[in-house]
Protein backbone atom coordinates (compact mmCIF):
# COMPACT_ATOMS: atom_id res chain seq x y z
CA UNK A 1 -0.15 0.04 0.23
CA UNK A 2 1.13 3.35 -0.63
CA UNK A 3 2.36 6.23 1.83
CA UNK A 4 0.00 9.12 2.14
CA UNK A 5 1.73 12.58 1.41
CA UNK A 6 2.54 13.27 5.04
CA UNK A 7 3.67 9.77 5.11
CA UNK A 8 5.85 10.22 2.44
CA UNK A 9 7.48 13.49 4.22
CA UNK A 10 8.11 11.54 7.72
CA UNK A 11 10.22 8.90 5.74
CA UNK A 12 12.10 11.73 4.12
CA UNK A 13 12.49 13.27 7.24
CA UNK A 14 13.67 10.11 9.07
CA UNK A 15 16.58 9.59 6.07
CA UNK A 16 17.49 13.07 6.92
CA UNK A 17 17.69 12.88 10.43
CA UNK A 18 19.75 9.58 10.26
CA UNK A 19 22.05 10.91 7.84
CA UNK A 20 22.80 14.19 10.06
CA UNK A 21 23.52 11.73 12.81
CA UNK A 22 26.19 10.06 10.78
CA UNK A 23 23.99 6.50 11.07
CA UNK A 24 24.39 4.10 8.46
CA UNK A 25 20.83 2.79 8.77
CA UNK A 26 16.86 3.85 8.95
CA UNK A 27 15.59 2.71 12.38
CA UNK A 28 12.85 3.06 14.22
CA UNK A 29 14.06 5.83 16.61
CA UNK A 30 14.75 8.09 13.23
CA UNK A 31 10.99 7.41 12.32
CA UNK A 32 9.88 8.23 15.64
CA UNK A 33 11.85 11.89 15.58
CA UNK A 34 10.25 12.74 12.32
CA UNK A 35 6.72 11.33 13.27
CA UNK A 36 7.12 14.39 16.05
CA UNK A 37 8.04 16.58 13.54
CA UNK A 38 6.13 16.08 10.90
CA UNK A 39 2.97 14.09 11.90
CA UNK A 40 -0.24 15.86 12.05
CA UNK A 41 -1.55 17.47 15.30
CA UNK A 42 -4.36 15.07 16.15
CA UNK A 43 -1.13 12.34 16.23
CA UNK A 44 1.60 14.92 17.57
CA UNK A 45 -0.95 15.68 20.57
CA UNK A 46 -1.74 12.37 21.90
CA UNK A 47 2.06 12.42 22.42
CA UNK A 48 2.40 15.42 23.98
CA UNK A 49 -0.67 14.75 26.40
CA UNK A 50 1.48 11.86 27.76
CA UNK A 51 4.38 13.86 28.57
CA UNK A 52 6.73 13.26 25.31
CA UNK A 53 8.01 17.03 24.23
CA UNK A 54 10.63 17.86 21.57
CA UNK A 55 13.81 18.28 23.99
CA UNK A 56 13.10 15.40 25.96
CA UNK A 57 12.84 13.26 22.56
CA UNK A 58 15.95 14.50 21.27
CA UNK A 59 17.54 13.83 24.76
CA UNK A 60 16.56 10.22 24.79
CA UNK A 61 17.32 9.74 21.25
CA UNK A 62 20.88 10.55 21.86
CA UNK A 63 20.86 8.15 24.88
CA UNK A 64 19.68 4.96 22.90
CA UNK A 65 21.03 6.04 19.49
CA UNK A 66 24.36 7.91 20.27
CA UNK A 67 26.61 9.32 17.29
CA UNK A 68 29.10 6.49 16.00
CA UNK A 69 32.66 6.48 16.48
CA UNK A 70 32.95 7.10 12.73
CA UNK A 71 30.35 8.92 10.85
CA UNK A 72 28.47 6.77 7.81
CA UNK A 73 28.94 8.56 4.80
CA UNK A 74 26.28 6.18 2.86
CA UNK A 75 24.18 7.98 0.47
CA UNK A 76 20.64 9.46 1.73
CA UNK A 77 18.92 7.09 -0.21
CA UNK A 78 21.33 4.14 0.19
CA UNK A 79 20.16 4.27 3.83
CA UNK A 80 18.88 0.47 4.72
CA UNK A 81 16.04 0.21 7.18
CA UNK A 82 16.57 -2.00 10.18
CA UNK A 83 14.41 -5.14 10.65
CA UNK A 84 12.45 -3.27 13.42
CA UNK A 85 11.87 -0.37 10.79
CA UNK A 86 10.72 -2.78 8.18
CA UNK A 87 8.64 -4.49 10.65
CA UNK A 88 7.15 -1.14 11.89
CA UNK A 89 6.02 -0.51 8.02
CA UNK A 90 4.39 -4.48 7.66
CA UNK A 91 2.01 -3.37 10.82
CA UNK A 92 1.34 -0.06 9.62
CA UNK A 93 0.32 -1.66 6.06
CA UNK A 94 -2.03 -4.08 8.26
CA UNK A 95 -3.41 -1.50 10.26
CA UNK A 96 -4.25 0.76 7.30
CA UNK A 97 -6.12 -2.42 5.46
CA UNK A 98 -8.05 -2.78 8.99
CA UNK A 99 -9.23 0.40 8.79
CA UNK A 100 -10.30 0.37 5.12
CA UNK A 101 -7.80 3.10 4.26
CA UNK A 102 -6.49 3.56 0.85
CA UNK A 103 -2.77 4.81 1.92
CA UNK A 104 -0.61 4.34 5.14
CA UNK A 105 -1.20 7.51 7.04
CA UNK A 106 1.19 8.97 9.72
CA UNK A 107 -1.00 7.48 13.03
CA UNK A 108 -0.74 4.23 11.03
CA UNK A 109 3.19 4.33 11.15
CA UNK A 110 2.87 5.24 14.93
CA UNK A 111 0.58 2.25 15.76
CA UNK A 112 2.89 0.05 13.99
CA UNK A 113 6.32 1.00 15.42
CA UNK A 114 4.36 0.80 19.07
CA UNK A 115 3.56 -2.84 18.02
CA UNK A 116 6.71 -3.56 18.32
CA UNK A 117 8.00 -4.62 22.31
CA UNK A 118 11.57 -3.95 21.99
CA UNK A 119 12.93 -1.18 19.83
CA UNK A 120 15.04 1.74 19.84
CA UNK A 121 11.52 4.22 19.43
CA UNK A 122 9.94 2.24 22.41
CA UNK A 123 13.22 2.42 24.22
CA UNK A 124 13.20 6.58 23.93
CA UNK A 125 9.49 6.36 25.42
CA UNK A 126 10.64 4.71 28.21
CA UNK A 127 13.42 6.74 28.76
CA UNK A 128 11.14 9.46 29.15
CA UNK A 129 9.27 7.78 31.72
CA UNK A 130 6.00 7.42 29.28
CA UNK A 131 4.29 4.18 29.00
CA UNK A 132 4.31 2.78 25.45
CA UNK A 133 1.22 0.98 26.37
CA UNK A 134 -0.59 4.10 27.51
CA UNK A 135 0.38 5.61 24.00
CA UNK A 136 -0.42 2.29 21.90
CA UNK A 137 -3.70 2.46 23.49
CA UNK A 138 -4.67 6.43 22.97
CA UNK A 139 -3.70 6.00 19.25
CA UNK A 140 -5.35 2.96 18.89
CA UNK A 141 -8.59 4.82 20.07
CA UNK A 142 -7.83 7.86 17.63
CA UNK A 143 -7.55 5.24 14.56
CA UNK A 144 -11.45 3.64 15.60
CA UNK A 145 -12.94 7.38 16.03
CA UNK A 146 -11.58 7.84 12.33
CA UNK A 147 -13.45 4.43 11.26
CA UNK A 148 -16.46 5.86 12.13
CA UNK A 149 -18.80 6.02 9.01
CA UNK A 150 -20.80 8.76 7.71
CA UNK A 151 -24.25 7.85 6.08
CA UNK A 152 -26.00 10.60 4.12
CA UNK A 153 -29.76 10.48 4.31
CA UNK A 154 -32.49 12.59 2.73
CA UNK A 155 -34.63 13.26 5.81
CA UNK A 156 -37.03 16.13 4.19
CA UNK A 157 -36.91 18.05 1.03
CA UNK A 158 -34.98 21.06 1.94
CA UNK A 159 -32.89 19.70 5.06
CA UNK A 160 -30.04 16.78 4.95
CA UNK A 161 -29.57 14.96 8.14
CA UNK A 162 -26.38 12.29 8.52
CA UNK A 163 -26.26 9.25 10.64
CA UNK A 164 -23.08 7.42 12.01
CA UNK A 165 -22.26 4.98 14.27
CA UNK A 166 -23.64 6.03 17.86
CA UNK A 167 -26.60 7.30 16.11
CA UNK A 168 -28.13 10.44 14.46
CA UNK A 169 -27.26 13.98 14.77
CA UNK A 170 -28.21 17.30 13.52
CA UNK A 171 -26.82 18.40 10.55
CA UNK A 172 -24.97 21.46 11.99
CA UNK A 173 -23.19 19.43 14.49
CA UNK A 174 -22.08 17.09 11.78
CA UNK A 175 -20.60 19.67 9.76
CA UNK A 176 -17.96 20.76 12.36
CA UNK A 177 -17.14 17.30 12.85
CA UNK A 178 -16.48 16.74 9.55
CA UNK A 179 -14.23 19.85 9.52
CA UNK A 180 -12.00 18.35 12.77
CA UNK A 181 -11.78 15.20 10.59
CA UNK A 182 -10.44 16.69 7.66
CA UNK A 183 -8.16 18.74 9.82
CA UNK A 184 -6.87 15.43 11.88
CA UNK A 185 -6.97 12.73 9.57
CA UNK A 186 -6.16 14.21 6.53
CA UNK A 187 -9.74 13.58 4.75
CA UNK A 188 -11.33 15.67 2.22
CA UNK A 189 -15.12 16.08 1.98
CA UNK A 190 -17.51 17.74 -0.19
CA UNK A 191 -18.61 20.61 1.51
CA UNK A 192 -21.66 20.94 2.95
CA UNK A 193 -24.58 23.65 2.84
CA UNK A 194 -26.94 23.46 5.61
CA UNK A 195 -30.50 24.59 4.72
CA UNK A 196 -32.99 25.38 7.17
CA UNK A 197 -36.41 23.39 6.57
CA UNK A 198 -39.18 25.38 4.86
CA UNK A 199 -42.17 26.25 6.35
CA UNK A 200 -45.36 25.01 5.18
């Protein structure tokens, strides 16, 4: 499955970060740093709420993946993913399929990373005193919320109501909910026009 544009940006930043550090590989620690820098706010806010911040993250990165004695001169596109990074992408692909998405999104990558019990990214979380299990749970909840399917049904000649998992809601409330979904999950939806029902 293809990566979304945002996920491609994360991969590009991960490669750049690995090259800057002089590492001759592309690992989960590079992806984790790139996710925090380039993922949508809905993804990074989960990390921030649980205690993951920029300075602490990079300190943890240096602890679990210190600069090598000899810097690698491997070209940026020649960096090979570690076995854990490859497994992370496999898990991300599986999650995208399970969610019915057509592309691998940043939250799929993060969830795939968190499915690994032992890797440098998980070691970074532990270094920051953040529970990988709690982050995994929050990301899982976020993905399940995104899966809610919206069904448009014509309720009256001049008003459109919408129903989704959990019941029926008024159109204006759903309109705002859709806007939030667009921002948080890179979803593009049609513009909604809400009309009041004409009085007879």
